[in-house]
């Protein structure tokens, strides 16, 4: 159940973030497409991203961790290639999308936690 709730939160965050950025598009603002994007990003962040982090440890150390932002943007671009109906117009938009997506997800997570605390 926790995974489904997290996936719905991620889906809403993808929809909101894509709405805020003009060069990131989810065709027809489809909830289903956003759900697929969220699932693909979860898979990429769980499988591919850790491998990328291990392979780029020297660069990450030299850049004081800022290279992780590049890895996040690359995960967004890879998701855009894998999911029909999700379009990102370049690296910088992917980087901005990943930052906004993190912020929106954090806000939605805090709302969820606040609601959980009120119901207890």
N, C-alpha and C. Protein backbone atom coordinates (compact mmCIF):
# COMPACT_ATOMS: atom_id res chain seq x y z
N UNK A 1 0.82 -1.20 0.00
CA UNK A 1 0.00 0.00 0.00
C UNK A 1 0.87 1.26 0.00
N UNK A 2 1.97 1.20 0.77
CA UNK A 2 2.87 2.35 0.86
C UNK A 2 3.45 2.68 -0.52
N UNK A 3 3.81 1.63 -1.31
CA UNK A 3 4.36 1.85 -2.64
C UNK A 3 3.35 2.54 -3.55
N UNK A 4 2.09 2.13 -3.47
CA UNK A 4 1.05 2.72 -4.32
C UNK A 4 0.85 4.20 -3.97
N UNK A 5 0.83 4.50 -2.68
CA UNK A 5 0.68 5.90 -2.26
C UNK A 5 1.87 6.74 -2.73
N UNK A 6 3.08 6.17 -2.60
CA UNK A 6 4.27 6.88 -3.05
C UNK A 6 4.24 7.10 -4.57
N UNK A 7 3.77 6.10 -5.29
CA UNK A 7 3.68 6.22 -6.75
C UNK A 7 2.66 7.28 -7.15
N UNK A 8 1.55 7.37 -6.45
CA UNK A 8 0.54 8.40 -6.74
C UNK A 8 1.10 9.79 -6.43
N UNK A 9 1.82 9.91 -5.32
CA UNK A 9 2.45 11.19 -4.99
C UNK A 9 3.46 11.59 -6.06
N UNK A 10 4.25 10.63 -6.51
CA UNK A 10 5.23 10.91 -7.57
C UNK A 10 4.53 11.28 -8.87
N UNK A 11 3.42 10.63 -9.16
CA UNK A 11 2.66 10.94 -10.37
C UNK A 11 2.14 12.37 -10.33
N UNK A 12 1.57 12.76 -9.19
CA UNK A 12 1.08 14.14 -9.05
C UNK A 12 2.23 15.14 -9.16
N UNK A 13 3.38 14.79 -8.59
CA UNK A 13 4.55 15.67 -8.66
C UNK A 13 5.03 15.82 -10.10
N UNK A 14 5.00 14.75 -10.87
CA UNK A 14 5.38 14.81 -12.28
C UNK A 14 4.42 15.70 -13.05
N UNK A 15 3.11 15.54 -12.81
CA UNK A 15 2.12 16.37 -13.49
C UNK A 15 2.29 17.85 -13.15
N UNK A 16 2.48 18.16 -11.88
CA UNK A 16 2.64 19.55 -11.45
C UNK A 16 3.92 20.15 -12.02
N UNK A 17 5.01 19.40 -11.94
CA UNK A 17 6.30 19.90 -12.43
C UNK A 17 6.26 20.13 -13.94
N UNK A 18 5.65 19.21 -14.67
CA UNK A 18 5.54 19.38 -16.12
C UNK A 18 4.65 20.57 -16.47
N UNK A 19 3.63 20.81 -15.67
CA UNK A 19 2.75 21.95 -15.90
C UNK A 19 3.50 23.27 -15.71
N UNK A 20 4.40 23.31 -14.74
CA UNK A 20 5.13 24.54 -14.43
C UNK A 20 6.21 24.89 -15.45
N UNK A 21 6.73 23.90 -16.16
CA UNK A 21 7.82 24.14 -17.10
C UNK A 21 7.33 24.09 -18.54
N UNK A 22 7.64 25.11 -19.33
CA UNK A 22 7.12 25.15 -20.70
C UNK A 22 7.76 24.13 -21.64
N UNK A 23 8.98 23.68 -21.37
CA UNK A 23 9.67 22.77 -22.29
C UNK A 23 9.69 21.34 -21.80
N UNK A 24 8.84 21.04 -20.84
CA UNK A 24 8.62 19.66 -20.40
C UNK A 24 7.14 19.40 -20.61
N UNK A 25 6.85 18.33 -21.35
CA UNK A 25 5.46 18.12 -21.73
C UNK A 25 5.04 16.68 -21.48
N UNK A 26 3.86 16.55 -20.91
CA UNK A 26 3.16 15.27 -20.85
C UNK A 26 1.97 15.42 -21.77
N UNK A 27 1.94 14.62 -22.81
CA UNK A 27 0.92 14.76 -23.85
C UNK A 27 -0.46 14.67 -23.23
N UNK A 28 -1.29 15.65 -23.52
CA UNK A 28 -2.68 15.74 -23.05
C UNK A 28 -2.79 15.77 -21.52
N UNK A 29 -1.71 16.09 -20.84
CA UNK A 29 -1.69 16.08 -19.37
C UNK A 29 -2.32 14.79 -18.82
N UNK A 30 -1.98 13.69 -19.43
CA UNK A 30 -2.55 12.39 -19.11
C UNK A 30 -2.02 11.86 -17.78
N UNK A 31 -2.94 11.50 -16.90
CA UNK A 31 -2.56 10.91 -15.61
C UNK A 31 -1.84 9.59 -15.83
N UNK A 32 -2.30 8.81 -16.81
CA UNK A 32 -1.69 7.51 -17.09
C UNK A 32 -0.24 7.68 -17.56
N UNK A 33 0.00 8.64 -18.43
CA UNK A 33 1.37 8.89 -18.90
C UNK A 33 2.25 9.35 -17.73
N UNK A 34 1.72 10.21 -16.89
CA UNK A 34 2.48 10.66 -15.72
C UNK A 34 2.76 9.50 -14.77
N UNK A 35 1.81 8.58 -14.64
CA UNK A 35 2.00 7.40 -13.82
C UNK A 35 3.13 6.53 -14.37
N UNK A 36 3.16 6.37 -15.68
CA UNK A 36 4.22 5.59 -16.31
C UNK A 36 5.57 6.29 -16.13
N UNK A 37 5.59 7.61 -16.27
CA UNK A 37 6.83 8.37 -16.05
C UNK A 37 7.32 8.18 -14.62
N UNK A 38 6.41 8.28 -13.66
CA UNK A 38 6.79 8.10 -12.25
C UNK A 38 7.32 6.69 -12.00
N UNK A 39 6.70 5.69 -12.60
CA UNK A 39 7.16 4.31 -12.43
C UNK A 39 8.53 4.10 -13.08
N UNK A 40 8.71 4.65 -14.27
CA UNK A 40 10.00 4.52 -14.95
C UNK A 40 11.09 5.24 -14.17
N UNK A 41 10.79 6.43 -13.66
CA UNK A 41 11.77 7.15 -12.84
C UNK A 41 12.11 6.38 -11.57
N UNK A 42 11.11 5.75 -10.96
CA UNK A 42 11.37 4.95 -9.77
C UNK A 42 12.30 3.78 -10.10
N UNK A 43 12.05 3.14 -11.23
CA UNK A 43 12.90 2.03 -11.66
C UNK A 43 14.32 2.52 -11.96
N UNK A 44 14.44 3.60 -12.73
CA UNK A 44 15.75 4.12 -13.07
C UNK A 44 16.52 4.58 -11.83
N UNK A 45 15.82 5.23 -10.91
CA UNK A 45 16.47 5.69 -9.68
C UNK A 45 16.85 4.53 -8.77
N UNK A 46 16.16 3.42 -8.89
CA UNK A 46 16.47 2.26 -8.07
C UNK A 46 17.55 1.36 -8.65
N UNK A 47 17.65 1.30 -9.97
CA UNK A 47 18.57 0.37 -10.61
C UNK A 47 19.74 1.09 -11.30
N UNK A 48 19.45 2.00 -12.19
CA UNK A 48 20.48 2.62 -13.02
C UNK A 48 21.27 3.69 -12.25
N UNK A 49 20.57 4.51 -11.48
CA UNK A 49 21.23 5.61 -10.78
C UNK A 49 22.33 5.15 -9.82
N UNK A 50 22.10 4.11 -9.01
CA UNK A 50 23.20 3.67 -8.13
C UNK A 50 24.44 3.21 -8.90
N UNK A 51 24.23 2.58 -10.04
CA UNK A 51 25.37 2.16 -10.87
C UNK A 51 26.11 3.39 -11.39
N UNK A 52 25.36 4.39 -11.85
CA UNK A 52 25.98 5.63 -12.34
C UNK A 52 26.75 6.33 -11.22
N UNK A 53 26.20 6.32 -10.02
CA UNK A 53 26.88 6.99 -8.90
C UNK A 53 28.20 6.30 -8.60
N UNK A 54 28.19 4.97 -8.57
CA UNK A 54 29.43 4.23 -8.29
C UNK A 54 30.47 4.50 -9.38
N UNK A 55 30.03 4.51 -10.63
CA UNK A 55 30.97 4.72 -11.74
C UNK A 55 31.54 6.14 -11.78
N UNK A 56 30.83 7.09 -11.18
CA UNK A 56 31.27 8.49 -11.27
C UNK A 56 31.71 9.06 -9.92
N UNK A 57 32.11 8.18 -9.00
CA UNK A 57 32.54 8.65 -7.68
C UNK A 57 33.65 9.70 -7.77
N UNK A 58 34.70 9.49 -8.59
CA UNK A 58 35.76 10.52 -8.64
C UNK A 58 35.24 11.90 -9.07
N UNK A 59 34.40 11.93 -10.09
CA UNK A 59 33.85 13.21 -10.57
C UNK A 59 32.97 13.82 -9.49
N UNK A 60 32.17 12.99 -8.82
CA UNK A 60 31.28 13.48 -7.77
C UNK A 60 32.07 14.08 -6.61
N UNK A 61 33.16 13.44 -6.25
CA UNK A 61 34.00 13.96 -5.16
C UNK A 61 34.64 15.29 -5.55
N UNK A 62 35.18 15.35 -6.77
CA UNK A 62 35.84 16.58 -7.23
C UNK A 62 34.85 17.74 -7.30
N UNK A 63 33.61 17.46 -7.70
CA UNK A 63 32.61 18.53 -7.83
C UNK A 63 31.81 18.74 -6.54
N UNK A 64 32.25 18.11 -5.47
CA UNK A 64 31.59 18.24 -4.16
C UNK A 64 30.12 17.80 -4.19
N UNK A 65 29.82 16.82 -5.01
CA UNK A 65 28.47 16.26 -5.07
C UNK A 65 27.56 16.87 -6.12
N UNK A 66 28.00 17.96 -6.75
CA UNK A 66 27.14 18.60 -7.74
C UNK A 66 26.92 17.75 -8.98
N UNK A 67 27.82 16.79 -9.22
CA UNK A 67 27.64 15.92 -10.38
C UNK A 67 26.40 15.04 -10.23
N UNK A 68 25.92 14.86 -9.01
CA UNK A 68 24.68 14.10 -8.80
C UNK A 68 23.49 14.78 -9.48
N UNK A 69 23.54 16.11 -9.59
CA UNK A 69 22.49 16.83 -10.33
C UNK A 69 22.51 16.44 -11.80
N UNK A 70 23.71 16.26 -12.34
CA UNK A 70 23.85 15.83 -13.74
C UNK A 70 23.26 14.43 -13.91
N UNK A 71 23.54 13.55 -12.96
CA UNK A 71 22.99 12.19 -13.02
C UNK A 71 21.47 12.23 -12.97
N UNK A 72 20.90 13.08 -12.11
CA UNK A 72 19.44 13.22 -12.05
C UNK A 72 18.88 13.68 -13.39
N UNK A 73 19.52 14.66 -14.00
CA UNK A 73 19.05 15.15 -15.30
C UNK A 73 19.15 14.05 -16.36
N UNK A 74 20.20 13.27 -16.31
CA UNK A 74 20.34 12.16 -17.26
C UNK A 74 19.24 11.11 -17.07
N UNK A 75 18.83 10.88 -15.83
CA UNK A 75 17.74 9.94 -15.57
C UNK A 75 16.42 10.47 -16.15
N UNK A 76 16.21 11.78 -16.06
CA UNK A 76 15.01 12.40 -16.64
C UNK A 76 15.03 12.26 -18.16
N UNK A 77 16.18 12.54 -18.76
CA UNK A 77 16.30 12.42 -20.22
C UNK A 77 16.10 10.98 -20.69
N UNK A 78 16.62 10.03 -19.93
CA UNK A 78 16.43 8.62 -20.27
C UNK A 78 14.95 8.24 -20.16
N UNK A 79 14.29 8.72 -19.13
CA UNK A 79 12.86 8.46 -18.98
C UNK A 79 12.08 9.06 -20.15
N UNK A 80 12.49 10.24 -20.61
CA UNK A 80 11.81 10.88 -21.74
C UNK A 80 11.97 10.05 -23.01
N UNK A 81 13.10 9.38 -23.14
CA UNK A 81 13.30 8.51 -24.31
C UNK A 81 12.49 7.22 -24.21
N UNK A 82 12.29 6.75 -23.00
CA UNK A 82 11.61 5.47 -22.81
C UNK A 82 10.08 5.59 -22.82
N UNK A 83 9.55 6.74 -22.44
CA UNK A 83 8.10 6.88 -22.29
C UNK A 83 7.54 7.74 -23.43
N UNK A 84 6.65 7.13 -24.21
CA UNK A 84 5.96 7.90 -25.24
C UNK A 84 5.00 8.86 -24.56
N UNK A 85 4.96 10.09 -25.03
CA UNK A 85 4.06 11.07 -24.44
C UNK A 85 4.72 11.94 -23.39
N UNK A 86 6.01 11.72 -23.12
CA UNK A 86 6.76 12.54 -22.18
C UNK A 86 7.94 13.12 -22.94
N UNK A 87 8.01 14.46 -22.96
CA UNK A 87 9.03 15.14 -23.75
C UNK A 87 9.74 16.17 -22.91
N UNK A 88 11.07 16.18 -23.01
CA UNK A 88 11.91 17.18 -22.35
C UNK A 88 12.83 17.76 -23.41
N UNK A 89 12.87 19.10 -23.51
CA UNK A 89 13.61 19.77 -24.58
C UNK A 89 15.06 20.06 -24.22
N UNK A 90 15.77 19.11 -23.70
CA UNK A 90 17.20 19.31 -23.49
C UNK A 90 17.65 19.12 -22.05
N UNK A 91 18.97 19.12 -21.90
CA UNK A 91 19.60 18.84 -20.61
C UNK A 91 19.19 19.84 -19.54
N UNK A 92 19.24 21.14 -19.86
CA UNK A 92 18.98 22.16 -18.85
C UNK A 92 17.54 22.11 -18.36
N UNK A 93 16.61 21.80 -19.25
CA UNK A 93 15.21 21.64 -18.83
C UNK A 93 15.06 20.39 -17.97
N UNK A 94 15.81 19.34 -18.31
CA UNK A 94 15.77 18.13 -17.48
C UNK A 94 16.33 18.41 -16.09
N UNK A 95 17.39 19.20 -16.02
CA UNK A 95 17.97 19.56 -14.73
C UNK A 95 16.97 20.37 -13.91
N UNK A 96 16.35 21.36 -14.53
CA UNK A 96 15.35 22.17 -13.83
C UNK A 96 14.14 21.33 -13.42
N UNK A 97 13.72 20.43 -14.31
CA UNK A 97 12.60 19.54 -13.99
C UNK A 97 12.93 18.68 -12.78
N UNK A 98 14.15 18.16 -12.72
CA UNK A 98 14.50 17.30 -11.58
C UNK A 98 14.51 18.10 -10.27
N UNK A 99 14.96 19.34 -10.32
CA UNK A 99 14.95 20.18 -9.12
C UNK A 99 13.52 20.49 -8.67
N UNK A 100 12.68 20.89 -9.61
CA UNK A 100 11.29 21.22 -9.28
C UNK A 100 10.54 19.97 -8.84
N UNK A 101 10.82 18.85 -9.49
CA UNK A 101 10.19 17.59 -9.11
C UNK A 101 10.54 17.23 -7.66
N UNK A 102 11.78 17.44 -7.27
CA UNK A 102 12.19 17.17 -5.89
C UNK A 102 11.46 18.07 -4.90
N UNK A 103 11.33 19.33 -5.24
CA UNK A 103 10.65 20.29 -4.36
C UNK A 103 9.16 19.93 -4.22
N UNK A 104 8.51 19.67 -5.36
CA UNK A 104 7.07 19.35 -5.33
C UNK A 104 6.83 18.04 -4.58
N UNK A 105 7.69 17.05 -4.81
CA UNK A 105 7.55 15.78 -4.09
C UNK A 105 7.71 15.99 -2.59
N UNK A 106 8.66 16.81 -2.19
CA UNK A 106 8.85 17.09 -0.76
C UNK A 106 7.62 17.76 -0.15
N UNK A 107 7.04 18.69 -0.89
CA UNK A 107 5.83 19.37 -0.40
C UNK A 107 4.69 18.37 -0.25
N UNK A 108 4.48 17.53 -1.26
CA UNK A 108 3.40 16.55 -1.19
C UNK A 108 3.64 15.53 -0.08
N UNK A 109 4.89 15.13 0.12
CA UNK A 109 5.23 14.20 1.21
C UNK A 109 4.93 14.83 2.57
N UNK A 110 5.25 16.11 2.72
CA UNK A 110 4.99 16.76 4.01
C UNK A 110 3.49 16.89 4.27
N UNK A 111 2.71 17.12 3.22
CA UNK A 111 1.25 17.17 3.38
C UNK A 111 0.72 15.79 3.79
N UNK A 112 1.26 14.74 3.17
CA UNK A 112 0.84 13.39 3.52
C UNK A 112 1.18 13.07 4.97
N UNK A 113 2.37 13.43 5.41
CA UNK A 113 2.77 13.17 6.80
C UNK A 113 1.92 13.96 7.78
N UNK A 114 1.61 15.21 7.42
CA UNK A 114 0.77 16.01 8.30
C UNK A 114 -0.62 15.39 8.42
N UNK A 115 -1.18 14.91 7.31
CA UNK A 115 -2.49 14.25 7.36
C UNK A 115 -2.45 12.97 8.17
N UNK A 116 -1.35 12.20 8.05
CA UNK A 116 -1.21 10.98 8.83
C UNK A 116 -1.16 11.28 10.31
N UNK A 117 -0.47 12.36 10.69
CA UNK A 117 -0.36 12.73 12.09
C UNK A 117 -1.70 13.20 12.66
N UNK A 118 -2.51 13.85 11.84
CA UNK A 118 -3.81 14.35 12.31
C UNK A 118 -4.81 13.22 12.50
N UNK A 119 -4.68 12.15 11.71
CA UNK A 119 -5.63 11.05 11.83
C UNK A 119 -5.30 10.11 12.97
N UNK A 120 -4.09 10.22 13.53
CA UNK A 120 -3.72 9.31 14.62
C UNK A 120 -4.23 9.76 15.93
